Amino acid sequence: MSRASKTKVLLTSGKRKTAIARATVKAGKGRIRINNVPLEILEPKIAREKIMEPLMHA
């Protein structure tokens, strides 16, 4: 019987009024998705920059 690999996964969400944003962080290829949308196509540009700011400082 093989051992199950232990992968660290961080799940978080944020709410404002009726909107809910969910993010999942796990080891992988470095892809960033917000509400299952790739960060590269998220509009407006200022939103992308604000999302990336804490990641650039980490």
N, C-alpha and C. Protein backbone atom coordinates (compact mmCIF):
# COMPACT_ATOMS: atom_id res chain seq x y z
N MET A 1 0.85 -1.18 0.00
CA MET A 1 0.00 0.00 0.00
C MET A 1 0.90 1.24 0.00
N SER A 2 0.63 2.18 -0.86
CA SER A 2 1.46 3.38 -0.95
C SER A 2 1.03 4.42 0.09
N ARG A 3 1.98 5.26 0.43
CA ARG A 3 1.69 6.33 1.39
C ARG A 3 1.04 7.51 0.67
N ALA A 4 0.10 8.12 1.33
CA ALA A 4 -0.55 9.32 0.78
C ALA A 4 0.39 10.50 0.97
N SER A 5 0.57 11.30 -0.07
CA SER A 5 1.44 12.46 0.05
C SER A 5 0.72 13.57 0.80
N LYS A 6 1.46 14.26 1.63
CA LYS A 6 0.90 15.36 2.42
C LYS A 6 1.18 16.66 1.67
N THR A 7 0.16 17.25 1.08
CA THR A 7 0.29 18.50 0.37
C THR A 7 -0.37 19.60 1.18
N LYS A 8 0.37 20.68 1.40
CA LYS A 8 -0.19 21.81 2.13
C LYS A 8 -1.07 22.63 1.20
N VAL A 9 -2.28 22.89 1.64
CA VAL A 9 -3.24 23.67 0.85
C VAL A 9 -3.84 24.72 1.77
N LEU A 10 -3.86 25.96 1.30
CA LEU A 10 -4.45 27.07 2.05
C LEU A 10 -5.69 27.54 1.29
N LEU A 11 -6.83 27.50 1.94
CA LEU A 11 -8.09 27.97 1.37
C LEU A 11 -8.51 29.23 2.12
N THR A 12 -8.89 30.25 1.40
CA THR A 12 -9.35 31.48 2.03
C THR A 12 -10.43 32.13 1.18
N SER A 13 -11.22 32.97 1.80
CA SER A 13 -12.26 33.68 1.06
C SER A 13 -12.46 35.06 1.66
N GLY A 14 -13.02 35.94 0.86
CA GLY A 14 -13.31 37.29 1.31
C GLY A 14 -14.69 37.68 0.83
N LYS A 15 -15.40 38.48 1.62
CA LYS A 15 -16.76 38.89 1.26
C LYS A 15 -16.89 40.40 1.34
N ARG A 16 -17.74 40.93 0.48
CA ARG A 16 -18.14 42.33 0.54
C ARG A 16 -19.55 42.39 -0.01
N LYS A 17 -20.46 42.81 0.83
CA LYS A 17 -21.89 42.81 0.49
C LYS A 17 -22.29 41.39 0.09
N THR A 18 -22.69 41.17 -1.16
CA THR A 18 -23.09 39.82 -1.55
C THR A 18 -22.01 39.11 -2.37
N ALA A 19 -20.90 39.79 -2.66
CA ALA A 19 -19.83 39.19 -3.45
C ALA A 19 -18.93 38.32 -2.57
N ILE A 20 -18.48 37.22 -3.12
CA ILE A 20 -17.57 36.32 -2.41
C ILE A 20 -16.42 35.98 -3.35
N ALA A 21 -15.18 36.17 -2.87
CA ALA A 21 -13.99 35.78 -3.62
C ALA A 21 -13.33 34.63 -2.88
N ARG A 22 -12.92 33.61 -3.61
CA ARG A 22 -12.27 32.45 -3.00
C ARG A 22 -10.89 32.27 -3.64
N ALA A 23 -9.91 31.94 -2.81
CA ALA A 23 -8.56 31.68 -3.30
C ALA A 23 -8.04 30.41 -2.67
N THR A 24 -7.33 29.63 -3.46
CA THR A 24 -6.68 28.40 -2.99
C THR A 24 -5.20 28.53 -3.30
N VAL A 25 -4.36 28.28 -2.30
CA VAL A 25 -2.91 28.35 -2.49
C VAL A 25 -2.35 26.97 -2.22
N LYS A 26 -1.61 26.45 -3.20
CA LYS A 26 -0.96 25.15 -3.04
C LYS A 26 0.29 25.11 -3.91
N ALA A 27 1.18 24.20 -3.60
CA ALA A 27 2.40 24.06 -4.39
C ALA A 27 2.02 23.63 -5.80
N GLY A 28 2.74 24.17 -6.77
CA GLY A 28 2.40 23.81 -8.15
C GLY A 28 3.22 24.56 -9.15
N LYS A 29 2.57 25.02 -10.19
CA LYS A 29 3.24 25.65 -11.32
C LYS A 29 3.29 27.16 -11.25
N GLY A 30 2.79 27.75 -10.18
CA GLY A 30 2.82 29.20 -10.04
C GLY A 30 1.67 29.92 -10.70
N ARG A 31 0.65 29.18 -11.10
CA ARG A 31 -0.53 29.82 -11.71
C ARG A 31 -1.38 30.44 -10.61
N ILE A 32 -1.92 31.62 -10.88
CA ILE A 32 -2.77 32.31 -9.92
C ILE A 32 -4.15 32.46 -10.54
N ARG A 33 -5.17 31.99 -9.80
CA ARG A 33 -6.56 32.09 -10.25
C ARG A 33 -7.39 32.69 -9.14
N ILE A 34 -8.28 33.60 -9.48
CA ILE A 34 -9.22 34.19 -8.54
C ILE A 34 -10.61 33.85 -9.07
N ASN A 35 -11.42 33.19 -8.23
CA ASN A 35 -12.74 32.71 -8.65
C ASN A 35 -12.66 31.92 -9.96
N ASN A 36 -11.62 31.08 -10.05
CA ASN A 36 -11.37 30.20 -11.20
C ASN A 36 -11.06 30.97 -12.48
N VAL A 37 -10.63 32.23 -12.38
CA VAL A 37 -10.25 33.04 -13.53
C VAL A 37 -8.75 33.31 -13.42
N PRO A 38 -7.96 33.04 -14.48
CA PRO A 38 -6.53 33.32 -14.42
C PRO A 38 -6.27 34.80 -14.17
N LEU A 39 -5.28 35.08 -13.34
CA LEU A 39 -4.97 36.46 -12.96
C LEU A 39 -4.60 37.30 -14.19
N GLU A 40 -4.01 36.69 -15.20
CA GLU A 40 -3.56 37.44 -16.38
C GLU A 40 -4.71 38.11 -17.13
N ILE A 41 -5.92 37.56 -17.05
CA ILE A 41 -7.04 38.16 -17.79
C ILE A 41 -8.00 38.92 -16.89
N LEU A 42 -7.67 39.03 -15.61
CA LEU A 42 -8.52 39.75 -14.67
C LEU A 42 -8.45 41.25 -14.95
N GLU A 43 -9.57 41.90 -15.01
CA GLU A 43 -9.64 43.34 -15.26
C GLU A 43 -10.27 44.02 -14.07
N PRO A 44 -9.95 45.22 -13.75
CA PRO A 44 -8.99 46.14 -14.35
C PRO A 44 -7.56 45.82 -13.92
N LYS A 45 -6.62 46.45 -14.59
CA LYS A 45 -5.19 46.22 -14.33
C LYS A 45 -4.83 46.55 -12.89
N ILE A 46 -5.42 47.59 -12.33
CA ILE A 46 -5.12 48.00 -10.95
C ILE A 46 -5.49 46.89 -9.97
N ALA A 47 -6.54 46.11 -10.28
CA ALA A 47 -6.93 44.99 -9.42
C ALA A 47 -5.85 43.91 -9.44
N ARG A 48 -5.30 43.63 -10.63
CA ARG A 48 -4.21 42.65 -10.73
C ARG A 48 -3.01 43.09 -9.90
N GLU A 49 -2.67 44.36 -10.00
CA GLU A 49 -1.51 44.88 -9.26
C GLU A 49 -1.74 44.80 -7.76
N LYS A 50 -2.95 45.10 -7.31
CA LYS A 50 -3.26 45.05 -5.88
C LYS A 50 -3.21 43.61 -5.36
N ILE A 51 -3.66 42.66 -6.17
CA ILE A 51 -3.61 41.25 -5.79
C ILE A 51 -2.17 40.76 -5.71
N MET A 52 -1.33 41.18 -6.64
CA MET A 52 0.05 40.71 -6.70
C MET A 52 0.96 41.36 -5.66
N GLU A 53 0.56 42.51 -5.12
CA GLU A 53 1.43 43.24 -4.19
C GLU A 53 1.91 42.40 -3.00
N PRO A 54 1.03 41.72 -2.25
CA PRO A 54 1.54 40.93 -1.13
C PRO A 54 2.41 39.75 -1.58
N LEU A 55 2.15 39.23 -2.78
CA LEU A 55 2.94 38.11 -3.27
C LEU A 55 4.34 38.56 -3.66
N MET A 56 4.48 39.78 -4.12
CA MET A 56 5.79 40.30 -4.50
C MET A 56 6.67 40.56 -3.27
N HIS A 57 6.05 40.87 -2.14
CA HIS A 57 6.80 41.16 -0.92
C HIS A 57 7.13 39.89 -0.13
N ALA A 58 6.48 38.79 -0.44
CA ALA A 58 6.69 37.54 0.32
C ALA A 58 7.99 36.87 -0.06
